[in-house]
Amino acid sequence: MRLLSELLARNRAWSAEIAAADPGFFTRLAEQQAPRYLWIGCGDSRVPANQIVGLMPGEMFVHRNIANVVVPSDLNCLSVLQYGIEVLGVHHLIICGHYGCGGVLAVLRGERLGLVDNWLCHVETVRRRYRGQLAALSTEAERHARLCELNVVAQVLNAARTTVVRDAWRQGRELAVHGWIYALRDGLLHDLEVTVTSEEEVAAVAERVDLATPPADER
Protein backbone atom coordinates (compact mmCIF):
# COMPACT_ATOMS: atom_id res chain seq x y z
CA MET A 1 0.00 0.00 0.00
CA ARG A 2 2.89 2.40 0.73
CA LEU A 3 4.62 1.95 -2.62
CA LEU A 4 2.87 2.22 -5.97
CA SER A 5 5.44 -0.01 -7.62
CA GLU A 6 3.39 -0.65 -10.75
CA LEU A 7 3.04 3.05 -11.52
CA LEU A 8 6.73 3.71 -10.90
CA ALA A 9 7.59 0.85 -13.24
CA ARG A 10 5.25 2.24 -15.88
CA ASN A 11 6.94 5.62 -15.51
CA ARG A 12 10.37 4.12 -16.13
CA ALA A 13 9.09 2.29 -19.18
CA TRP A 14 7.46 5.47 -20.53
CA SER A 15 10.61 7.51 -19.95
CA ALA A 16 12.75 4.92 -21.72
CA GLU A 17 10.33 4.77 -24.67
CA ILE A 18 10.34 8.56 -25.11
CA ALA A 19 14.11 8.80 -24.78
CA ALA A 20 14.62 6.05 -27.34
CA ALA A 21 12.39 7.81 -29.87
CA ASP A 22 13.80 11.29 -29.16
CA PRO A 23 17.05 11.31 -27.11
CA GLY A 24 16.95 15.08 -26.54
CA PHE A 25 13.30 15.31 -25.52
CA PHE A 26 13.67 15.60 -21.75
CA THR A 27 16.62 18.00 -22.01
CA ARG A 28 14.57 20.37 -24.14
CA LEU A 29 11.53 19.96 -21.90
CA ALA A 30 13.51 20.84 -18.79
CA GLU A 31 14.88 24.01 -20.37
CA GLN A 32 11.66 25.55 -21.68
CA GLN A 33 7.88 25.57 -21.29
CA ALA A 34 6.27 27.33 -24.25
CA PRO A 35 2.72 26.02 -24.77
CA ARG A 36 0.38 27.71 -27.23
CA TYR A 37 -2.72 26.30 -25.56
CA LEU A 38 -4.33 26.57 -22.14
CA TRP A 39 -6.86 23.83 -21.37
CA ILE A 40 -9.48 24.13 -18.64
CA GLY A 41 -11.27 20.82 -18.36
CA CYS A 42 -13.05 18.44 -16.06
CA GLY A 43 -11.06 16.42 -13.55
CA ASP A 44 -12.67 13.20 -14.85
CA SER A 45 -9.95 10.57 -15.23
CA ARG A 46 -11.34 9.50 -18.61
CA VAL A 47 -10.49 12.86 -20.21
CA PRO A 48 -6.67 13.21 -20.33
CA ALA A 49 -6.09 16.60 -21.95
CA ASN A 50 -2.74 16.12 -23.73
CA GLN A 51 -3.50 12.60 -24.87
CA ILE A 52 -6.83 13.23 -26.59
CA VAL A 53 -5.40 16.04 -28.71
CA GLY A 54 -2.18 14.19 -29.48
CA LEU A 55 0.18 16.64 -27.76
CA MET A 56 3.33 15.90 -25.82
CA PRO A 57 4.23 17.29 -22.37
CA GLY A 58 5.17 20.95 -22.63
CA GLU A 59 2.73 21.72 -25.44
CA MET A 60 -0.38 22.44 -23.37
CA PHE A 61 -0.86 24.21 -20.03
CA VAL A 62 -3.65 22.41 -18.13
CA HIS A 63 -6.07 23.23 -15.33
CA ARG A 64 -8.81 20.80 -14.29
CA ASN A 65 -11.63 20.84 -11.78
CA ILE A 66 -15.01 19.22 -11.22
CA ALA A 67 -17.29 20.03 -14.18
CA ASN A 68 -14.79 22.39 -15.90
CA VAL A 69 -16.03 25.49 -14.11
CA VAL A 70 -14.61 29.03 -14.41
CA VAL A 71 -15.77 31.52 -11.78
CA PRO A 72 -14.25 34.87 -10.78
CA SER A 73 -14.04 33.85 -7.12
CA ASP A 74 -11.71 30.91 -7.87
CA LEU A 75 -8.21 32.33 -7.38
CA ASN A 76 -6.68 29.01 -8.39
CA CYS A 77 -8.26 29.12 -11.85
CA LEU A 78 -7.67 32.87 -12.23
CA SER A 79 -3.99 32.39 -11.36
CA VAL A 80 -3.72 29.72 -14.05
CA LEU A 81 -5.35 32.09 -16.54
CA GLN A 82 -3.03 34.95 -15.63
CA TYR A 83 0.13 32.83 -15.69
CA GLY A 84 -0.82 31.09 -18.92
CA ILE A 85 -1.75 34.29 -20.76
CA GLU A 86 0.69 36.84 -19.39
CA VAL A 87 3.73 34.71 -18.57
CA LEU A 88 3.56 31.78 -20.96
CA GLY A 89 1.86 33.75 -23.73
CA VAL A 90 -0.75 31.18 -24.77
CA HIS A 91 -2.91 32.13 -27.76
CA HIS A 92 -5.78 29.69 -27.27
CA LEU A 93 -7.85 29.07 -24.14
CA ILE A 94 -9.91 25.90 -24.49
CA ILE A 95 -12.79 25.22 -22.12
CA CYS A 96 -13.55 21.53 -22.57
CA GLY A 97 -16.39 19.59 -21.00
CA HIS A 98 -17.49 16.06 -21.72
CA TYR A 99 -20.71 14.18 -22.27
CA GLY A 100 -21.62 11.93 -19.36
CA CYS A 101 -20.20 14.32 -16.72
CA GLY A 102 -21.19 13.03 -13.28
CA GLY A 103 -21.21 16.45 -11.68
CA VAL A 104 -23.55 17.83 -14.33
CA LEU A 105 -25.85 14.81 -13.95
CA ALA A 106 -26.04 15.33 -10.20
CA VAL A 107 -27.16 18.92 -10.79
CA LEU A 108 -29.71 17.82 -13.37
CA ARG A 109 -31.19 15.27 -10.96
CA GLY A 110 -30.96 17.48 -7.89
CA GLU A 111 -28.79 14.91 -6.13
CA ARG A 112 -26.65 15.64 -3.07
CA LEU A 113 -23.04 14.50 -3.23
CA GLY A 114 -21.60 16.25 -0.17
CA LEU A 115 -19.08 19.08 0.00
CA VAL A 116 -18.79 19.22 -3.78
CA ASP A 117 -22.39 20.49 -3.93
CA ASN A 118 -21.02 23.90 -2.96
CA TRP A 119 -18.91 23.86 -6.12
CA LEU A 120 -21.62 22.46 -8.35
CA CYS A 121 -23.90 25.36 -7.46
CA HIS A 122 -22.18 27.11 -10.38
CA VAL A 123 -23.55 24.44 -12.71
CA GLU A 124 -26.94 24.79 -11.02
CA THR A 125 -26.90 28.43 -12.08
CA VAL A 126 -26.47 27.27 -15.68
CA ARG A 127 -29.32 24.75 -15.32
CA ARG A 128 -31.68 27.43 -14.05
CA ARG A 129 -30.74 29.90 -16.77
CA TYR A 130 -31.46 27.40 -19.55
CA ARG A 131 -34.31 25.48 -17.91
CA GLY A 132 -36.57 26.28 -20.88
CA GLN A 133 -34.20 24.64 -23.37
CA LEU A 134 -33.76 21.63 -21.11
CA ALA A 135 -37.51 21.21 -20.51
CA ALA A 136 -38.07 21.06 -24.27
CA LEU A 137 -36.09 17.82 -24.48
CA SER A 138 -37.96 14.57 -23.97
CA THR A 139 -35.42 12.31 -22.23
CA GLU A 140 -33.01 12.64 -19.36
CA ALA A 141 -30.14 11.56 -21.63
CA GLU A 142 -30.89 14.45 -23.99
CA ARG A 143 -31.17 16.92 -21.12
CA HIS A 144 -27.92 15.65 -19.61
CA ALA A 145 -26.04 16.02 -22.90
CA ARG A 146 -27.45 19.49 -23.49
CA LEU A 147 -26.62 20.67 -19.97
CA CYS A 148 -23.05 19.44 -20.47
CA GLU A 149 -22.90 21.61 -23.62
CA LEU A 150 -24.54 24.62 -22.01
CA ASN A 151 -22.18 24.40 -19.06
CA VAL A 152 -19.22 24.67 -21.44
CA VAL A 153 -20.79 27.69 -23.12
CA ALA A 154 -21.39 29.36 -19.75
CA GLN A 155 -17.80 28.79 -18.71
CA VAL A 156 -16.51 30.21 -22.00
CA LEU A 157 -18.50 33.37 -21.29
CA ASN A 158 -17.31 33.41 -17.67
CA ALA A 159 -13.68 33.12 -18.79
CA ALA A 160 -14.13 35.83 -21.41
CA ARG A 161 -15.52 38.17 -18.76
CA THR A 162 -12.62 37.77 -16.33
CA THR A 163 -10.35 40.75 -15.86
CA VAL A 164 -7.41 38.62 -17.00
CA VAL A 165 -8.87 37.86 -20.42
CA ARG A 166 -10.38 41.32 -20.90
CA ASP A 167 -7.05 42.97 -20.03
CA ALA A 168 -5.29 40.71 -22.52
CA TRP A 169 -7.63 41.83 -25.30
CA ARG A 170 -7.30 45.48 -24.33
CA GLN A 171 -3.52 45.14 -24.49
CA GLY A 172 -3.84 43.80 -28.03
CA ARG A 173 -2.87 40.21 -27.24
CA GLU A 174 -4.02 37.55 -29.69
CA LEU A 175 -6.24 35.31 -27.58
CA ALA A 176 -9.19 33.13 -28.51
CA VAL A 177 -11.48 31.40 -26.01
CA HIS A 178 -12.96 28.17 -27.38
CA GLY A 179 -15.75 25.88 -26.15
CA TRP A 180 -15.29 22.18 -26.85
CA ILE A 181 -16.90 18.99 -25.62
CA TYR A 182 -15.52 15.46 -25.58
CA ALA A 183 -17.52 12.31 -26.32
CA LEU A 184 -16.42 9.38 -24.18
CA ARG A 185 -18.11 6.82 -26.42
CA ASP A 186 -15.85 7.46 -29.43
CA GLY A 187 -13.02 9.68 -28.17
CA LEU A 188 -13.92 12.60 -30.43
CA LEU A 189 -13.89 16.30 -29.60
CA HIS A 190 -16.63 18.60 -30.85
CA ASP A 191 -16.35 22.35 -31.34
CA LEU A 192 -19.47 24.01 -29.90
CA GLU A 193 -18.85 27.06 -32.13
CA VAL A 194 -18.80 29.61 -29.32
CA THR A 195 -15.27 30.92 -29.87
CA VAL A 196 -14.73 34.52 -28.75
CA THR A 197 -11.71 36.66 -29.62
CA SER A 198 -12.82 40.06 -28.29
CA GLU A 199 -15.10 41.66 -25.72
CA GLU A 200 -17.51 42.62 -28.50
CA GLU A 201 -18.15 38.97 -29.40
CA VAL A 202 -19.15 37.89 -25.91
CA ALA A 203 -22.65 39.40 -25.91
CA ALA A 204 -23.38 38.07 -29.41
CA VAL A 205 -22.48 34.52 -28.40
CA ALA A 206 -24.53 34.76 -25.20
CA GLU A 207 -27.58 35.96 -27.13
CA ARG A 208 -27.24 33.26 -29.77
CA VAL A 209 -27.10 30.51 -27.15
CA ASP A 210 -30.04 31.96 -25.21
CA LEU A 211 -32.17 31.79 -28.35
CA ALA A 212 -30.91 28.41 -29.54
CA THR A 213 -33.25 25.53 -30.22
CA PRO A 214 -31.95 22.49 -28.35
CA PRO A 215 -30.84 19.58 -30.56
CA ALA A 216 -33.06 16.51 -30.38
CA ASP A 217 -30.41 13.81 -30.86
CA GLU A 218 -28.80 11.97 -27.99
CA ARG A 219 -25.01 12.18 -27.64
C-alpha atoms as a PDB file:
ATOM      1  CA  MET A   1       0.000   0.000   0.000  1.00  0.00           C
ATOM      2  CA  ARG A   2       2.885   2.396   0.733  1.00  0.00           C
ATOM      3  CA  LEU A   3       4.625   1.954  -2.616  1.00  0.00           C
ATOM      4  CA  LEU A   4       2.870   2.215  -5.968  1.00  0.00           C
ATOM      5  CA  SER A   5       5.437  -0.014  -7.624  1.00  0.00           C
ATOM      6  CA  GLU A   6       3.388  -0.647 -10.753  1.00  0.00           C
ATOM      7  CA  LEU A   7       3.041   3.053 -11.523  1.00  0.00           C
ATOM      8  CA  LEU A   8       6.730   3.706 -10.898  1.00  0.00           C
ATOM      9  CA  ALA A   9       7.589   0.845 -13.242  1.00  0.00           C
ATOM     10  CA  ARG A  10       5.254   2.239 -15.882  1.00  0.00           C
ATOM     11  CA  ASN A  11       6.944   5.624 -15.508  1.00  0.00           C
ATOM     12  CA  ARG A  12      10.370   4.123 -16.132  1.00  0.00           C
ATOM     13  CA  ALA A  13       9.089   2.291 -19.183  1.00  0.00           C
ATOM     14  CA  TRP A  14       7.458   5.468 -20.527  1.00  0.00           C
ATOM     15  CA  SER A  15      10.608   7.509 -19.950  1.00  0.00           C
ATOM     16  CA  ALA A  16      12.745   4.916 -21.725  1.00  0.00           C
ATOM     17  CA  GLU A  17      10.335   4.768 -24.674  1.00  0.00           C
ATOM     18  CA  ILE A  18      10.336   8.556 -25.114  1.00  0.00           C
ATOM     19  CA  ALA A  19      14.110   8.803 -24.776  1.00  0.00           C
ATOM     20  CA  ALA A  20      14.622   6.047 -27.342  1.00  0.00           C
ATOM     21  CA  ALA A  21      12.388   7.808 -29.866  1.00  0.00           C
ATOM     22  CA  ASP A  22      13.797  11.289 -29.155  1.00  0.00           C
ATOM     23  CA  PRO A  23      17.050  11.313 -27.114  1.00  0.00           C
ATOM     24  CA  GLY A  24      16.952  15.079 -26.541  1.00  0.00           C
ATOM     25  CA  PHE A  25      13.303  15.314 -25.521  1.00  0.00           C
ATOM     26  CA  PHE A  26      13.670  15.595 -21.746  1.00  0.00           C
ATOM     27  CA  THR A  27      16.620  17.996 -22.007  1.00  0.00           C
ATOM     28  CA  ARG A  28      14.570  20.369 -24.144  1.00  0.00           C
ATOM     29  CA  LEU A  29      11.527  19.959 -21.904  1.00  0.00           C
ATOM     30  CA  ALA A  30      13.507  20.842 -18.790  1.00  0.00           C
ATOM     31  CA  GLU A  31      14.877  24.013 -20.365  1.00  0.00           C
ATOM     32  CA  GLN A  32      11.660  25.548 -21.680  1.00  0.00           C
ATOM     33  CA  GLN A  33       7.883  25.573 -21.292  1.00  0.00           C
ATOM     34  CA  ALA A  34       6.269  27.331 -24.253  1.00  0.00           C
ATOM     35  CA  PRO A  35       2.723  26.023 -24.766  1.00  0.00           C
ATOM     36  CA  ARG A  36       0.379  27.714 -27.229  1.00  0.00           C
ATOM     37  CA  TYR A  37      -2.717  26.297 -25.562  1.00  0.00           C
ATOM     38  CA  LEU A  38      -4.335  26.569 -22.137  1.00  0.00           C
ATOM     39  CA  TRP A  39      -6.859  23.831 -21.369  1.00  0.00           C
ATOM     40  CA  ILE A  40      -9.484  24.130 -18.644  1.00  0.00           C
ATOM     41  CA  GLY A  41     -11.270  20.815 -18.365  1.00  0.00           C
ATOM     42  CA  CYS A  42     -13.053  18.440 -16.058  1.00  0.00           C
ATOM     43  CA  GLY A  43     -11.061  16.417 -13.549  1.00  0.00           C
ATOM     44  CA  ASP A  44     -12.666  13.203 -14.850  1.00  0.00           C
ATOM     45  CA  SER A  45      -9.952  10.566 -15.225  1.00  0.00           C
ATOM     46  CA  ARG A  46     -11.344   9.505 -18.610  1.00  0.00           C
ATOM     47  CA  VAL A  47     -10.491  12.861 -20.209  1.00  0.00           C
ATOM     48  CA  PRO A  48      -6.672  13.209 -20.327  1.00  0.00           C
ATOM     49  CA  ALA A  49      -6.089  16.604 -21.952  1.00  0.00           C
ATOM     50  CA  ASN A  50      -2.744  16.117 -23.725  1.00  0.00           C
ATOM     51  CA  GLN A  51      -3.504  12.603 -24.874  1.00  0.00           C
ATOM     52  CA  ILE A  52      -6.832  13.227 -26.593  1.00  0.00           C
ATOM     53  CA  VAL A  53      -5.401  16.041 -28.715  1.00  0.00           C
ATOM     54  CA  GLY A  54      -2.176  14.191 -29.480  1.00  0.00           C
ATOM     55  CA  LEU A  55       0.182  16.642 -27.757  1.00  0.00           C
ATOM     56  CA  MET A  56       3.333  15.896 -25.821  1.00  0.00           C
ATOM     57  CA  PRO A  57       4.229  17.291 -22.373  1.00  0.00           C
ATOM     58  CA  GLY A  58       5.167  20.945 -22.634  1.00  0.00           C
ATOM     59  CA  GLU A  59       2.728  21.720 -25.444  1.00  0.00           C
ATOM     60  CA  MET A  60      -0.385  22.442 -23.371  1.00  0.00           C
ATOM     61  CA  PHE A  61      -0.863  24.207 -20.030  1.00  0.00           C
ATOM     62  CA  VAL A  62      -3.651  22.413 -18.132  1.00  0.00           C
ATOM     63  CA  HIS A  63      -6.066  23.227 -15.328  1.00  0.00           C
ATOM     64  CA  ARG A  64      -8.806  20.795 -14.287  1.00  0.00           C
ATOM     65  CA  ASN A  65     -11.630  20.844 -11.777  1.00  0.00           C
ATOM     66  CA  ILE A  66     -15.012  19.222 -11.215  1.00  0.00           C
ATOM     67  CA  ALA A  67     -17.295  20.026 -14.182  1.00  0.00           C
ATOM     68  CA  ASN A  68     -14.789  22.392 -15.895  1.00  0.00           C
ATOM     69  CA  VAL A  69     -16.028  25.493 -14.107  1.00  0.00           C
ATOM     70  CA  VAL A  70     -14.610  29.030 -14.415  1.00  0.00           C
ATOM     71  CA  VAL A  71     -15.774  31.517 -11.775  1.00  0.00           C
ATOM     72  CA  PRO A  72     -14.246  34.874 -10.780  1.00  0.00           C
ATOM     73  CA  SER A  73     -14.037  33.848  -7.120  1.00  0.00           C
ATOM     74  CA  ASP A  74     -11.714  30.910  -7.866  1.00  0.00           C
ATOM     75  CA  LEU A  75      -8.214  32.325  -7.382  1.00  0.00           C
ATOM     76  CA  ASN A  76      -6.680  29.010  -8.393  1.00  0.00           C
ATOM     77  CA  CYS A  77      -8.261  29.116 -11.847  1.00  0.00           C
ATOM     78  CA  LEU A  78      -7.666  32.868 -12.230  1.00  0.00           C
ATOM     79  CA  SER A  79      -3.994  32.387 -11.357  1.00  0.00           C
ATOM     80  CA  VAL A  80      -3.717  29.718 -14.045  1.00  0.00           C
ATOM     81  CA  LEU A  81      -5.351  32.086 -16.535  1.00  0.00           C
ATOM     82  CA  GLN A  82      -3.031  34.948 -15.626  1.00  0.00           C
ATOM     83  CA  TYR A  83       0.126  32.832 -15.694  1.00  0.00           C
ATOM     84  CA  GLY A  84      -0.821  31.092 -18.919  1.00  0.00           C
ATOM     85  CA  ILE A  85      -1.749  34.286 -20.762  1.00  0.00           C
ATOM     86  CA  GLU A  86       0.686  36.839 -19.391  1.00  0.00           C
ATOM     87  CA  VAL A  87       3.728  34.714 -18.568  1.00  0.00           C
ATOM     88  CA  LEU A  88       3.562  31.781 -20.962  1.00  0.00           C
ATOM     89  CA  GLY A  89       1.863  33.747 -23.730  1.00  0.00           C
ATOM     90  CA  VAL A  90      -0.749  31.182 -24.771  1.00  0.00           C
ATOM     91  CA  HIS A  91      -2.909  32.134 -27.758  1.00  0.00           C
ATOM     92  CA  HIS A  92      -5.784  29.688 -27.268  1.00  0.00           C
ATOM     93  CA  LEU A  93      -7.847  29.071 -24.137  1.00  0.00           C
ATOM     94  CA  ILE A  94      -9.910  25.900 -24.494  1.00  0.00           C
ATOM     95  CA  ILE A  95     -12.795  25.217 -22.117  1.00  0.00           C
ATOM     96  CA  CYS A  96     -13.552  21.527 -22.574  1.00  0.00           C
ATOM     97  CA  GLY A  97     -16.388  19.591 -20.999  1.00  0.00           C
ATOM     98  CA  HIS A  98     -17.493  16.057 -21.721  1.00  0.00           C
ATOM     99  CA  TYR A  99     -20.712  14.178 -22.271  1.00  0.00           C
ATOM    100  CA  GLY A 100     -21.619  11.932 -19.360  1.00  0.00           C
ATOM    101  CA  CYS A 101     -20.204  14.324 -16.725  1.00  0.00           C
ATOM    102  CA  GLY A 102     -21.187  13.029 -13.284  1.00  0.00           C
ATOM    103  CA  GLY A 103     -21.206  16.452 -11.676  1.00  0.00           C
ATOM    104  CA  VAL A 104     -23.546  17.827 -14.330  1.00  0.00           C
ATOM    105  CA  LEU A 105     -25.853  14.813 -13.948  1.00  0.00           C
ATOM    106  CA  ALA A 106     -26.040  15.326 -10.195  1.00  0.00           C
ATOM    107  CA  VAL A 107     -27.158  18.916 -10.791  1.00  0.00           C
ATOM    108  CA  LEU A 108     -29.711  17.821 -13.375  1.00  0.00           C
ATOM    109  CA  ARG A 109     -31.194  15.267 -10.960  1.00  0.00           C
ATOM    110  CA  GLY A 110     -30.965  17.483  -7.886  1.00  0.00           C
ATOM    111  CA  GLU A 111     -28.786  14.907  -6.132  1.00  0.00           C
ATOM    112  CA  ARG A 112     -26.654  15.645  -3.070  1.00  0.00           C
ATOM    113  CA  LEU A 113     -23.037  14.504  -3.228  1.00  0.00           C
ATOM    114  CA  GLY A 114     -21.604  16.253  -0.170  1.00  0.00           C
ATOM    115  CA  LEU A 115     -19.079  19.077   0.004  1.00  0.00           C
ATOM    116  CA  VAL A 116     -18.794  19.223  -3.784  1.00  0.00           C
ATOM    117  CA  ASP A 117     -22.394  20.490  -3.934  1.00  0.00           C
ATOM    118  CA  ASN A 118     -21.020  23.903  -2.958  1.00  0.00           C
ATOM    119  CA  TRP A 119     -18.905  23.864  -6.120  1.00  0.00           C
ATOM    120  CA  LEU A 120     -21.624  22.465  -8.350  1.00  0.00           C
ATOM    121  CA  CYS A 121     -23.904  25.360  -7.461  1.00  0.00           C
ATOM    122  CA  HIS A 122     -22.176  27.111 -10.376  1.00  0.00           C
ATOM    123  CA  VAL A 123     -23.550  24.441 -12.712  1.00  0.00           C
ATOM    124  CA  GLU A 124     -26.940  24.786 -11.023  1.00  0.00           C
ATOM    125  CA  THR A 125     -26.899  28.434 -12.081  1.00  0.00           C
ATOM    126  CA  VAL A 126     -26.472  27.265 -15.679  1.00  0.00           C
ATOM    127  CA  ARG A 127     -29.315  24.753 -15.324  1.00  0.00           C
ATOM    128  CA  ARG A 128     -31.678  27.432 -14.047  1.00  0.00           C
ATOM    129  CA  ARG A 129     -30.744  29.898 -16.772  1.00  0.00           C
ATOM    130  CA  TYR A 130     -31.459  27.395 -19.549  1.00  0.00           C
ATOM    131  CA  ARG A 131     -34.310  25.480 -17.908  1.00  0.00           C
ATOM    132  CA  GLY A 132     -36.571  26.278 -20.880  1.00  0.00           C
ATOM    133  CA  GLN A 133     -34.198  24.644 -23.366  1.00  0.00           C
ATOM    134  CA  LEU A 134     -33.758  21.630 -21.107  1.00  0.00           C
ATOM    135  CA  ALA A 135     -37.507  21.205 -20.506  1.00  0.00           C
ATOM    136  CA  ALA A 136     -38.073  21.063 -24.274  1.00  0.00           C
ATOM    137  CA  LEU A 137     -36.092  17.818 -24.477  1.00  0.00           C
ATOM    138  CA  SER A 138     -37.960  14.567 -23.972  1.00  0.00           C
ATOM    139  CA  THR A 139     -35.425  12.310 -22.229  1.00  0.00           C
ATOM    140  CA  GLU A 140     -33.006  12.639 -19.358  1.00  0.00           C
ATOM    141  CA  ALA A 141     -30.141  11.557 -21.633  1.00  0.00           C
ATOM    142  CA  GLU A 142     -30.888  14.452 -23.987  1.00  0.00           C
ATOM    143  CA  ARG A 143     -31.172  16.918 -21.117  1.00  0.00           C
ATOM    144  CA  HIS A 144     -27.922  15.648 -19.609  1.00  0.00           C
ATOM    145  CA  ALA A 145     -26.036  16.019 -22.901  1.00  0.00           C
ATOM    146  CA  ARG A 146     -27.448  19.490 -23.493  1.00  0.00           C
ATOM    147  CA  LEU A 147     -26.623  20.671 -19.972  1.00  0.00           C
ATOM    148  CA  CYS A 148     -23.046  19.443 -20.474  1.00  0.00           C
ATOM    149  CA  GLU A 149     -22.896  21.606 -23.616  1.00  0.00           C
ATOM    150  CA  LEU A 150     -24.540  24.621 -22.008  1.00  0.00           C
ATOM    151  CA  ASN A 151     -22.182  24.400 -19.059  1.00  0.00           C
ATOM    152  CA  VAL A 152     -19.223  24.666 -21.439  1.00  0.00           C
ATOM    153  CA  VAL A 153     -20.793  27.693 -23.115  1.00  0.00           C
ATOM    154  CA  ALA A 154     -21.395  29.357 -19.748  1.00  0.00           C
ATOM    155  CA  GLN A 155     -17.795  28.792 -18.713  1.00  0.00           C
ATOM    156  CA  VAL A 156     -16.509  30.213 -22.003  1.00  0.00           C
ATOM    157  CA  LEU A 157     -18.498  33.369 -21.291  1.00  0.00           C
ATOM    158  CA  ASN A 158     -17.310  33.415 -17.674  1.00  0.00           C
ATOM    159  CA  ALA A 159     -13.682  33.118 -18.792  1.00  0.00           C
ATOM    160  CA  ALA A 160     -14.126  35.829 -21.410  1.00  0.00           C
ATOM    161  CA  ARG A 161     -15.517  38.170 -18.763  1.00  0.00           C
ATOM    162  CA  THR A 162     -12.620  37.771 -16.327  1.00  0.00           C
ATOM    163  CA  THR A 163     -10.345  40.753 -15.863  1.00  0.00           C
ATOM    164  CA  VAL A 164      -7.410  38.621 -17.000  1.00  0.00           C
ATOM    165  CA  VAL A 165      -8.865  37.857 -20.425  1.00  0.00           C
ATOM    166  CA  ARG A 166     -10.381  41.316 -20.905  1.00  0.00           C
ATOM    167  CA  ASP A 167      -7.054  42.974 -20.030  1.00  0.00           C
ATOM    168  CA  ALA A 168      -5.286  40.708 -22.525  1.00  0.00           C
ATOM    169  CA  TRP A 169      -7.627  41.830 -25.302  1.00  0.00           C
ATOM    170  CA  ARG A 170      -7.299  45.485 -24.326  1.00  0.00           C
ATOM    171  CA  GLN A 171      -3.520  45.137 -24.493  1.00  0.00           C
ATOM    172  CA  GLY A 172      -3.836  43.802 -28.025  1.00  0.00           C
ATOM    173  CA  ARG A 173      -2.872  40.208 -27.241  1.00  0.00           C
ATOM    174  CA  GLU A 174      -4.025  37.552 -29.693  1.00  0.00           C
ATOM    175  CA  LEU A 175      -6.236  35.313 -27.579  1.00  0.00           C
ATOM    176  CA  ALA A 176      -9.191  33.127 -28.506  1.00  0.00           C
ATOM    177  CA  VAL A 177     -11.479  31.395 -26.012  1.00  0.00           C
ATOM    178  CA  HIS A 178     -12.958  28.168 -27.376  1.00  0.00           C
ATOM    179  CA  GLY A 179     -15.748  25.883 -26.155  1.00  0.00           C
ATOM    180  CA  TRP A 180     -15.291  22.181 -26.853  1.00  0.00           C
ATOM    181  CA  ILE A 181     -16.901  18.986 -25.620  1.00  0.00           C
ATOM    182  CA  TYR A 182     -15.523  15.457 -25.583  1.00  0.00           C
ATOM    183  CA  ALA A 183     -17.517  12.310 -26.315  1.00  0.00           C
ATOM    184  CA  LEU A 184     -16.422   9.375 -24.178  1.00  0.00           C
ATOM    185  CA  ARG A 185     -18.106   6.824 -26.422  1.00  0.00           C
ATOM    186  CA  ASP A 186     -15.850   7.462 -29.434  1.00  0.00           C
ATOM    187  CA  GLY A 187     -13.021   9.682 -28.167  1.00  0.00           C
ATOM    188  CA  LEU A 188     -13.917  12.604 -30.433  1.00  0.00           C
ATOM    189  CA  LEU A 189     -13.885  16.300 -29.598  1.00  0.00           C
ATOM    190  CA  HIS A 190     -16.631  18.596 -30.854  1.00  0.00           C
ATOM    191  CA  ASP A 191     -16.355  22.351 -31.343  1.00  0.00           C
ATOM    192  CA  LEU A 192     -19.471  24.007 -29.902  1.00  0.00           C
ATOM    193  CA  GLU A 193     -18.852  27.062 -32.129  1.00  0.00           C
ATOM    194  CA  VAL A 194     -18.797  29.609 -29.321  1.00  0.00           C
ATOM    195  CA  THR A 195     -15.272  30.923 -29.872  1.00  0.00           C
ATOM    196  CA  VAL A 196     -14.732  34.517 -28.751  1.00  0.00           C
ATOM    197  CA  THR A 197     -11.711  36.661 -29.620  1.00  0.00           C
ATOM    198  CA  SER A 198     -12.816  40.060 -28.287  1.00  0.00           C
ATOM    199  CA  GLU A 199     -15.104  41.663 -25.717  1.00  0.00           C
ATOM    200  CA  GLU A 200     -17.512  42.615 -28.500  1.00  0.00           C
ATOM    201  CA  GLU A 201     -18.150  38.975 -29.404  1.00  0.00           C
ATOM    202  CA  VAL A 202     -19.152  37.895 -25.906  1.00  0.00           C
ATOM    203  CA  ALA A 203     -22.655  39.400 -25.914  1.00  0.00           C
ATOM    204  CA  ALA A 204     -23.383  38.068 -29.405  1.00  0.00           C
ATOM    205  CA  VAL A 205     -22.476  34.516 -28.401  1.00  0.00           C
ATOM    206  CA  ALA A 206     -24.530  34.755 -25.198  1.00  0.00           C
ATOM    207  CA  GLU A 207     -27.580  35.963 -27.125  1.00  0.00           C
ATOM    208  CA  ARG A 208     -27.237  33.261 -29.770  1.00  0.00           C
ATOM    209  CA  VAL A 209     -27.097  30.510 -27.153  1.00  0.00           C
ATOM    210  CA  ASP A 210     -30.041  31.962 -25.210  1.00  0.00           C
ATOM    211  CA  LEU A 211     -32.171  31.791 -28.348  1.00  0.00           C
ATOM    212  CA  ALA A 212     -30.906  28.414 -29.540  1.00  0.00           C
ATOM    213  CA  THR A 213     -33.253  25.526 -30.216  1.00  0.00           C
ATOM    214  CA  PRO A 214     -31.946  22.485 -28.347  1.00  0.00           C
ATOM    215  CA  PRO A 215     -30.841  19.578 -30.557  1.00  0.00           C
ATOM    216  CA  ALA A 216     -33.055  16.510 -30.381  1.00  0.00           C
ATOM    217  CA  ASP A 217     -30.409  13.809 -30.864  1.00  0.00           C
ATOM    218  CA  GLU A 218     -28.800  11.971 -27.986  1.00  0.00           C
ATOM    219  CA  ARG A 219     -25.005  12.176 -27.635  1.00  0.00           C
END
